[in-house]
Amino acid sequence: MDLTWGHIKSNTCLIELRVHKLYSSFLNLRFLLTSHYSYCQFLKQRMEI
């Protein structure tokens, strides 16, 4: 009983870690995309001037 519970707990921890990693990489990606987009907008504005 204790063995399976420990197994379930460690698996849950692993899944949570994976989800956290995915989420943080998603946030990083979003940040990169938004900064890239704003940089493009910034370049466009400079070109127009």
PDB file of N, CA and C in Angstrom:
ATOM      1  N   MET A   1       0.834  -1.206   0.000  1.00  0.00           N
ATOM      2  CA  MET A   1       0.000   0.000   0.000  1.00  0.00           C
ATOM      3  C   MET A   1       0.872   1.260   0.000  1.00  0.00           C
ATOM      4  N   ASP A   2       1.803   1.309   0.942  1.00  0.00           N
ATOM      5  CA  ASP A   2       2.673   2.481   1.019  1.00  0.00           C
ATOM      6  C   ASP A   2       3.507   2.628  -0.260  1.00  0.00           C
ATOM      7  N   LEU A   3       3.913   1.481  -0.804  1.00  0.00           N
ATOM      8  CA  LEU A   3       4.739   1.494  -2.007  1.00  0.00           C
ATOM      9  C   LEU A   3       3.986   2.133  -3.176  1.00  0.00           C
ATOM     10  N   THR A   4       2.744   1.696  -3.375  1.00  0.00           N
ATOM     11  CA  THR A   4       1.968   2.255  -4.489  1.00  0.00           C
ATOM     12  C   THR A   4       1.690   3.728  -4.261  1.00  0.00           C
ATOM     13  N   TRP A   5       1.416   4.108  -3.019  1.00  0.00           N
ATOM     14  CA  TRP A   5       1.135   5.511  -2.725  1.00  0.00           C
ATOM     15  C   TRP A   5       2.360   6.364  -3.032  1.00  0.00           C
ATOM     16  N   GLY A   6       3.532   5.863  -2.624  1.00  0.00           N
ATOM     17  CA  GLY A   6       4.769   6.583  -2.925  1.00  0.00           C
ATOM     18  C   GLY A   6       4.982   6.680  -4.428  1.00  0.00           C
ATOM     19  N   HIS A   7       4.672   5.611  -5.143  1.00  0.00           N
ATOM     20  CA  HIS A   7       4.809   5.587  -6.597  1.00  0.00           C
ATOM     21  C   HIS A   7       3.887   6.628  -7.236  1.00  0.00           C
ATOM     22  N   ILE A   8       2.644   6.646  -6.764  1.00  0.00           N
ATOM     23  CA  ILE A   8       1.665   7.612  -7.284  1.00  0.00           C
ATOM     24  C   ILE A   8       2.130   9.036  -6.987  1.00  0.00           C
ATOM     25  N   LYS A   9       2.622   9.241  -5.769  1.00  0.00           N
ATOM     26  CA  LYS A   9       3.071  10.575  -5.388  1.00  0.00           C
ATOM     27  C   LYS A   9       4.232  11.034  -6.253  1.00  0.00           C
ATOM     28  N   SER A  10       5.212  10.165  -6.488  1.00  0.00           N
ATOM     29  CA  SER A  10       6.365  10.559  -7.294  1.00  0.00           C
ATOM     30  C   SER A  10       5.943  10.807  -8.744  1.00  0.00           C
ATOM     31  N   ASN A  11       5.023   9.991  -9.251  1.00  0.00           N
ATOM     32  CA  ASN A  11       4.516  10.208 -10.604  1.00  0.00           C
ATOM     33  C   ASN A  11       3.809  11.545 -10.714  1.00  0.00           C
ATOM     34  N   THR A  12       3.009  11.867  -9.695  1.00  0.00           N
ATOM     35  CA  THR A  12       2.303  13.146  -9.696  1.00  0.00           C
ATOM     36  C   THR A  12       3.300  14.290  -9.699  1.00  0.00           C
ATOM     37  N   CYS A  13       4.354  14.164  -8.912  1.00  0.00           N
ATOM     38  CA  CYS A  13       5.392  15.196  -8.866  1.00  0.00           C
ATOM     39  C   CYS A  13       6.031  15.356 -10.245  1.00  0.00           C
ATOM     40  N   LEU A  14       6.329  14.250 -10.899  1.00  0.00           N
ATOM     41  CA  LEU A  14       6.927  14.291 -12.223  1.00  0.00           C
ATOM     42  C   LEU A  14       6.003  14.992 -13.208  1.00  0.00           C
ATOM     43  N   ILE A  15       4.726  14.634 -13.161  1.00  0.00           N
ATOM     44  CA  ILE A  15       3.757  15.249 -14.065  1.00  0.00           C
ATOM     45  C   ILE A  15       3.669  16.749 -13.792  1.00  0.00           C
ATOM     46  N   GLU A  16       3.630  17.118 -12.523  1.00  0.00           N
ATOM     47  CA  GLU A  16       3.551  18.537 -12.170  1.00  0.00           C
ATOM     48  C   GLU A  16       4.781  19.277 -12.667  1.00  0.00           C
ATOM     49  N   LEU A  17       5.949  18.655 -12.532  1.00  0.00           N
ATOM     50  CA  LEU A  17       7.178  19.275 -13.031  1.00  0.00           C
ATOM     51  C   LEU A  17       7.111  19.472 -14.534  1.00  0.00           C
ATOM     52  N   ARG A  18       6.646  18.460 -15.230  1.00  0.00           N
ATOM     53  CA  ARG A  18       6.544  18.558 -16.692  1.00  0.00           C
ATOM     54  C   ARG A  18       5.593  19.665 -17.089  1.00  0.00           C
ATOM     55  N   VAL A  19       4.450  19.716 -16.415  1.00  0.00           N
ATOM     56  CA  VAL A  19       3.459  20.756 -16.707  1.00  0.00           C
ATOM     57  C   VAL A  19       4.063  22.132 -16.442  1.00  0.00           C
ATOM     58  N   HIS A  20       4.780  22.242 -15.321  1.00  0.00           N
ATOM     59  CA  HIS A  20       5.405  23.509 -14.972  1.00  0.00           C
ATOM     60  C   HIS A  20       6.421  23.911 -16.032  1.00  0.00           C
ATOM     61  N   LYS A  21       7.232  22.946 -16.489  1.00  0.00           N
ATOM     62  CA  LYS A  21       8.216  23.226 -17.532  1.00  0.00           C
ATOM     63  C   LYS A  21       7.533  23.666 -18.812  1.00  0.00           C
ATOM     64  N   LEU A  22       6.492  22.959 -19.192  1.00  0.00           N
ATOM     65  CA  LEU A  22       5.740  23.318 -20.399  1.00  0.00           C
ATOM     66  C   LEU A  22       5.166  24.720 -20.270  1.00  0.00           C
ATOM     67  N   TYR A  23       4.595  24.992 -19.102  1.00  0.00           N
ATOM     68  CA  TYR A  23       3.977  26.290 -18.875  1.00  0.00           C
ATOM     69  C   TYR A  23       5.008  27.407 -18.939  1.00  0.00           C
ATOM     70  N   SER A  24       6.155  27.202 -18.306  1.00  0.00           N
ATOM     71  CA  SER A  24       7.186  28.242 -18.308  1.00  0.00           C
ATOM     72  C   SER A  24       7.756  28.441 -19.708  1.00  0.00           C
ATOM     73  N   SER A  25       7.916  27.348 -20.465  1.00  0.00           N
ATOM     74  CA  SER A  25       8.417  27.506 -21.825  1.00  0.00           C
ATOM     75  C   SER A  25       7.371  28.202 -22.691  1.00  0.00           C
ATOM     76  N   PHE A  26       6.101  27.920 -22.414  1.00  0.00           N
ATOM     77  CA  PHE A  26       5.027  28.614 -23.126  1.00  0.00           C
ATOM     78  C   PHE A  26       5.074  30.106 -22.827  1.00  0.00           C
ATOM     79  N   LEU A  27       5.292  30.461 -21.561  1.00  0.00           N
ATOM     80  CA  LEU A  27       5.395  31.865 -21.185  1.00  0.00           C
ATOM     81  C   LEU A  27       6.599  32.514 -21.854  1.00  0.00           C
ATOM     82  N   ASN A  28       7.730  31.803 -21.874  1.00  0.00           N
ATOM     83  CA  ASN A  28       8.920  32.327 -22.531  1.00  0.00           C
ATOM     84  C   ASN A  28       8.663  32.564 -24.005  1.00  0.00           C
ATOM     85  N   LEU A  29       7.988  31.600 -24.628  1.00  0.00           N
ATOM     86  CA  LEU A  29       7.664  31.714 -26.044  1.00  0.00           C
ATOM     87  C   LEU A  29       6.772  32.926 -26.278  1.00  0.00           C
ATOM     88  N   ARG A  30       5.767  33.071 -25.440  1.00  0.00           N
ATOM     89  CA  ARG A  30       4.853  34.204 -25.573  1.00  0.00           C
ATOM     90  C   ARG A  30       5.618  35.514 -25.414  1.00  0.00           C
ATOM     91  N   PHE A  31       6.518  35.556 -24.438  1.00  0.00           N
ATOM     92  CA  PHE A  31       7.320  36.751 -24.214  1.00  0.00           C
ATOM     93  C   PHE A  31       8.180  37.056 -25.436  1.00  0.00           C
ATOM     94  N   LEU A  32       8.819  36.018 -25.993  1.00  0.00           N
ATOM     95  CA  LEU A  32       9.640  36.197 -27.176  1.00  0.00           C
ATOM     96  C   LEU A  32       8.812  36.712 -28.347  1.00  0.00           C
ATOM     97  N   LEU A  33       7.642  36.109 -28.529  1.00  0.00           N
ATOM     98  CA  LEU A  33       6.777  36.527 -29.637  1.00  0.00           C
ATOM     99  C   LEU A  33       6.336  37.975 -29.466  1.00  0.00           C
ATOM    100  N   THR A  34       5.914  38.343 -28.271  1.00  0.00           N
ATOM    101  CA  THR A  34       5.445  39.711 -28.061  1.00  0.00           C
ATOM    102  C   THR A  34       6.593  40.701 -28.195  1.00  0.00           C
ATOM    103  N   SER A  35       7.765  40.366 -27.664  1.00  0.00           N
ATOM    104  CA  SER A  35       8.900  41.287 -27.780  1.00  0.00           C
ATOM    105  C   SER A  35       9.336  41.395 -29.240  1.00  0.00           C
ATOM    106  N   HIS A  36       9.294  40.269 -29.964  1.00  0.00           N
ATOM    107  CA  HIS A  36       9.643  40.282 -31.386  1.00  0.00           C
ATOM    108  C   HIS A  36       8.652  41.158 -32.146  1.00  0.00           C
ATOM    109  N   TYR A  37       7.389  41.003 -31.829  1.00  0.00           N
ATOM    110  CA  TYR A  37       6.357  41.777 -32.496  1.00  0.00           C
ATOM    111  C   TYR A  37       6.534  43.271 -32.225  1.00  0.00           C
ATOM    112  N   SER A  38       6.765  43.623 -30.961  1.00  0.00           N
ATOM    113  CA  SER A  38       6.937  45.033 -30.620  1.00  0.00           C
ATOM    114  C   SER A  38       8.213  45.582 -31.258  1.00  0.00           C
ATOM    115  N   TYR A  39       9.238  44.741 -31.368  1.00  0.00           N
ATOM    116  CA  TYR A  39      10.474  45.157 -32.024  1.00  0.00           C
ATOM    117  C   TYR A  39      10.217  45.438 -33.501  1.00  0.00           C
ATOM    118  N   CYS A  40       9.409  44.579 -34.147  1.00  0.00           N
ATOM    119  CA  CYS A  40       9.048  44.793 -35.550  1.00  0.00           C
ATOM    120  C   CYS A  40       8.274  46.089 -35.704  1.00  0.00           C
ATOM    121  N   GLN A  41       7.349  46.333 -34.784  1.00  0.00           N
ATOM    122  CA  GLN A  41       6.580  47.574 -34.827  1.00  0.00           C
ATOM    123  C   GLN A  41       7.505  48.775 -34.678  1.00  0.00           C
ATOM    124  N   PHE A  42       8.453  48.650 -33.763  1.00  0.00           N
ATOM    125  CA  PHE A  42       9.424  49.705 -33.512  1.00  0.00           C
ATOM    126  C   PHE A  42      10.243  49.983 -34.775  1.00  0.00           C
ATOM    127  N   LEU A  43      10.693  48.939 -35.446  1.00  0.00           N
ATOM    128  CA  LEU A  43      11.448  49.098 -36.687  1.00  0.00           C
ATOM    129  C   LEU A  43      10.604  49.766 -37.767  1.00  0.00           C
ATOM    130  N   LYS A  44       9.358  49.338 -37.867  1.00  0.00           N
ATOM    131  CA  LYS A  44       8.463  49.930 -38.867  1.00  0.00           C
ATOM    132  C   LYS A  44       8.329  51.428 -38.628  1.00  0.00           C
ATOM    133  N   GLN A  45       8.134  51.804 -37.372  1.00  0.00           N
ATOM    134  CA  GLN A  45       7.984  53.217 -37.040  1.00  0.00           C
ATOM    135  C   GLN A  45       9.248  53.987 -37.408  1.00  0.00           C
ATOM    136  N   ARG A  46      10.392  53.405 -37.139  1.00  0.00           N
ATOM    137  CA  ARG A  46      11.651  54.085 -37.463  1.00  0.00           C
ATOM    138  C   ARG A  46      11.821  54.224 -38.968  1.00  0.00           C
ATOM    139  N   MET A  47      11.395  53.212 -39.713  1.00  0.00           N
ATOM    140  CA  MET A  47      11.520  53.266 -41.170  1.00  0.00           C
ATOM    141  C   MET A  47      10.645  54.381 -41.744  1.00  0.00           C
ATOM    142  N   GLU A  48       9.461  54.549 -41.137  1.00  0.00           N
ATOM    143  CA  GLU A  48       8.517  55.535 -41.658  1.00  0.00           C
ATOM    144  C   GLU A  48       9.008  56.956 -41.425  1.00  0.00           C
ATOM    145  N   ILE A  49       9.753  57.142 -40.362  1.00  0.00           N
ATOM    146  CA  ILE A  49      10.231  58.495 -40.016  1.00  0.00           C
ATOM    147  C   ILE A  49      11.256  58.985 -41.049  1.00  0.00           C
TER     148      ILE A  49
END
